[in-house]
Each structure stands twice: as structure tokens, then as C-alpha cells.
Protein backbone atom coordinates (compact mmCIF):
# COMPACT_ATOMS: atom_id res chain seq x y z
CA MET A 1 81.69 181.37 87.24
CA ARG A 2 80.13 180.02 84.10
CA PRO A 3 80.30 176.22 83.45
CA SER A 4 82.44 175.14 80.54
CA ARG A 5 80.81 173.85 77.39
CA PHE A 6 83.04 170.74 77.68
CA ALA A 7 81.69 169.79 81.13
CA PRO A 8 78.98 167.35 79.88
CA ALA A 9 81.46 165.58 77.59
CA LEU A 10 84.01 165.37 80.41
CA LEU A 11 81.39 164.00 82.80
CA LEU A 12 80.28 161.43 80.21
CA SER A 13 83.84 160.28 79.51
CA ALA A 14 84.57 159.95 83.25
CA GLY A 15 81.43 157.86 83.68
CA LEU A 16 82.38 155.61 80.77
CA ALA A 17 85.88 155.16 82.18
CA ALA A 18 84.47 154.15 85.56
CA LEU A 19 82.06 151.73 83.88
CA GLY A 20 84.92 150.25 81.86
CA LEU A 21 87.02 149.72 84.98
CA THR A 22 84.23 147.94 86.84
CA ALA A 23 83.50 145.76 83.81
CA SER A 24 87.18 144.82 83.47
CA PHE A 25 87.29 143.57 87.07
CA SER A 26 84.50 141.12 86.42
CA ALA A 27 86.09 140.03 83.14
CA SER A 28 89.38 139.16 84.82
CA ALA A 29 88.16 135.72 85.89
CA VAL A 30 90.63 133.28 84.38
CA ASP A 31 88.74 130.00 84.43
CA ASN A 32 85.81 130.26 82.04
CA THR A 33 84.98 126.56 81.85
CA PRO A 34 81.36 125.78 82.65
CA PRO A 35 80.74 124.43 86.15
CA LEU A 36 80.50 120.68 86.58
CA PRO A 37 77.05 119.22 87.27
CA ASP A 38 78.02 117.69 90.61
CA PRO A 39 79.28 119.96 93.44
CA GLN A 40 81.73 117.25 94.57
CA LEU A 41 83.17 117.04 91.05
CA GLN A 42 83.42 120.82 90.98
CA GLN A 43 85.32 120.79 94.29
CA ARG A 44 87.71 118.10 92.98
CA TYR A 45 88.19 120.16 89.80
CA PHE A 46 88.97 123.24 91.90
CA GLU A 47 91.52 121.35 94.04
CA LEU A 48 93.22 119.66 91.05
CA THR A 49 93.56 122.85 89.05
CA HIS A 50 95.14 124.53 92.08
CA GLU A 51 97.71 121.78 92.63
CA LEU A 52 98.77 121.43 89.00
CA ARG A 53 101.33 123.89 87.64
CA CYS A 54 100.93 125.80 84.40
CA MET A 55 103.67 124.58 82.07
CA GLN A 56 104.02 127.97 80.39
CA CYS A 57 103.86 130.31 83.38
CA GLN A 58 105.67 127.79 85.61
CA ASN A 59 104.90 129.57 88.84
CA GLU A 60 101.13 129.69 88.65
CA ALA A 61 98.49 127.07 89.17
CA LEU A 62 96.35 126.02 86.23
CA ALA A 63 93.40 127.72 87.88
CA ASP A 64 95.18 131.09 88.00
CA SER A 65 96.96 131.10 84.66
CA PRO A 66 95.46 133.15 81.80
CA VAL A 67 97.40 131.47 78.95
CA SER A 68 95.72 129.23 76.39
CA LEU A 69 97.78 126.16 77.36
CA ALA A 70 96.40 126.37 80.90
CA ALA A 71 92.87 126.70 79.52
CA ASP A 72 93.43 123.53 77.46
CA LEU A 73 94.75 121.69 80.51
CA ARG A 74 91.78 122.84 82.61
CA LEU A 75 89.44 121.46 79.94
CA GLN A 76 91.39 118.22 79.94
CA VAL A 77 91.08 117.94 83.75
CA ARG A 78 87.36 118.60 83.42
CA GLU A 79 86.96 115.89 80.76
CA LEU A 80 88.92 113.38 82.83
CA LEU A 81 86.73 114.11 85.85
CA LEU A 82 83.59 113.65 83.77
CA ALA A 83 85.04 110.37 82.47
CA GLY A 84 85.08 109.10 86.05
CA GLN A 85 88.81 109.08 86.72
CA SER A 86 90.11 109.50 90.26
CA ASP A 87 92.35 112.37 91.35
CA ASP A 88 95.38 110.07 91.38
CA GLN A 89 94.63 108.85 87.88
CA ILE A 90 94.37 112.43 86.65
CA ARG A 91 97.66 113.35 88.36
CA ASP A 92 99.31 110.26 86.84
CA HIS A 93 97.97 111.20 83.42
CA MET A 94 99.38 114.73 83.70
CA VAL A 95 102.73 113.49 85.04
CA ALA A 96 102.99 110.98 82.18
CA ARG A 97 102.50 113.79 79.67
CA TYR A 98 104.38 116.68 81.29
CA GLY A 99 106.65 115.14 83.95
CA GLU A 100 106.82 115.66 87.71
CA PHE A 101 107.27 119.39 87.17
CA ILE A 102 103.53 119.81 86.65
CA LEU A 103 102.92 118.97 90.31
CA PHE A 104 103.42 121.78 92.81
CA ARG A 105 104.09 119.11 95.46
CA PRO A 106 106.25 116.46 93.76
CA ARG A 107 105.94 112.87 94.92
CA MET A 108 108.68 111.19 96.92
CA SER A 109 110.65 108.85 94.69
CA ALA A 110 114.19 107.52 94.32
CA ARG A 111 114.79 110.07 91.59
CA ASN A 112 114.04 113.10 93.76
CA ALA A 113 114.88 111.70 97.22
CA TRP A 114 117.94 113.95 97.43
CA LEU A 115 115.61 116.98 97.30
CA TRP A 116 113.86 115.79 100.43
CA GLY A 117 117.00 114.59 102.22
CA ALA A 118 119.40 117.43 101.40
CA PRO A 119 117.99 120.15 103.72
CA PRO A 120 118.26 118.12 106.97
CA VAL A 121 121.71 116.78 106.02
CA LEU A 122 122.99 120.27 105.14
CA MET A 123 121.53 121.66 108.37
CA LEU A 124 123.31 118.96 110.37
CA ILE A 125 126.61 119.65 108.58
CA GLY A 126 126.19 123.39 109.28
CA LEU A 127 125.56 122.75 112.98
CA VAL A 128 128.67 120.53 113.26
CA VAL A 129 130.83 123.14 111.50
CA ALA A 130 129.47 125.94 113.73
CA TRP A 131 130.07 123.86 116.87
CA ARG A 132 133.67 123.14 115.82
CA VAL A 133 134.37 126.80 115.00
CA VAL A 134 133.02 127.94 118.38
CA ARG A 135 135.00 125.24 120.22
CA THR A 136 138.23 126.13 118.38
CA ARG A 137 137.81 129.87 119.06
CA ARG A 138 137.19 129.26 122.73
CA ARG A 139 140.36 127.20 122.92
CA LEU A 140 142.37 129.90 121.09
CA VAL A 141 141.01 132.71 123.22
CA GLY A 142 141.69 130.75 126.40
CA GLY A 143 145.29 130.01 125.27
CA ASP A 144 145.98 133.66 124.38
CA ASP A 145 144.91 134.87 127.83
CA ASP A 146 147.36 132.58 129.62
CA GLY A 147 150.33 133.20 127.30
CA GLY A 148 149.51 136.86 126.77
CA ASP A 149 150.12 137.81 130.42
CA ALA A 150 153.58 136.18 130.45
CA ASP A 151 154.60 138.01 127.27
CA ASP A 152 153.52 141.36 128.68
CA ALA A 153 155.51 140.82 131.91
CA ASP A 154 158.77 139.99 130.13
CA ASP A 155 159.45 142.68 127.52
CA GLY A 156 163.02 141.64 126.97
CA GLY A 157 164.68 144.71 128.49
CA SER A 158 163.05 147.46 126.52
CA PRO A 159 163.29 150.78 128.37
CA GLY A 160 160.13 152.16 129.90
CA PRO A 161 158.93 155.75 129.84
């Protein structure tokens, strides 16, 4: 069998496609901000960007979001860290600008206390309702067994087979 004259071009295009795929994997890094000079600052930056929510994507951390708003917020976190602010100050700054929604783990406050208290209260209500239903059914089933035998014994004179 004679090789096709298109074989070198096909081989070259397959190689370029493979090279493009491998290059795209390395280009998929979202956070392209330069690393901070201090490793401790870099670790704080990493932790903060993973606990702050992207306001556009809403279900991704700032560190994972590819949108430009998240990139701006990452730069802002970086600048605040370089300015010497603590993690709590940075969180407070972000909450003041964007509200509690920016935090993946919202703080306990009077405004959102019902969010923290509702699950145990609802679970307790569900357990009480389930206990009452089971207790009522047991009582009904027990009452039917006693009265059911007397009804079966006295048919009221209906002829048998």
C-alpha cells in the first residue's frame, strides 16, 4: 500500500492540535496576579480569595472565577494585604462594599440568626409531628383490632354459604 500524499500534512496538523491542547491546559490558570513577596502574605491571599464569593458568578470563589470583576477583586485583596490590613479588615471592607453575600460563610448576626436557628427548630417540629402520627396510628390500629373481631362475629343475620 502506497502512503497518501496528504499523510505529512495530516501528521503535522495532528501534532499542532496536540500542542494546542497542552498549551491551553497551562493557560487555564485563572489567577494571574503576581505572587506576593512574603510567603505568609501569599498564603493569606490564597485563603481570602477562596473564602470570598465572586459577585458575578455567585457560586465560585474569587480565586476560581475567570470574569474580570473577580480579577479586579483579587487585585484589591492583594493591595489591601500589601497595605498591611488584617484578614478581618479585608473581610469588613468587602462586606461594606458588597454585603454579606460576598462571604461564603456568613457571620452570625441578628439579621441572619434565623438562618442558623431554623434547621434545628424545623427538625424538632418534624420529629414531634412524626412521633404524634406514629402514636395516633398505633392507637387506631389497636382500636380496630378489638372492635373488628366483634363486628365479624355479629353479621346481623346475613345468610352464610
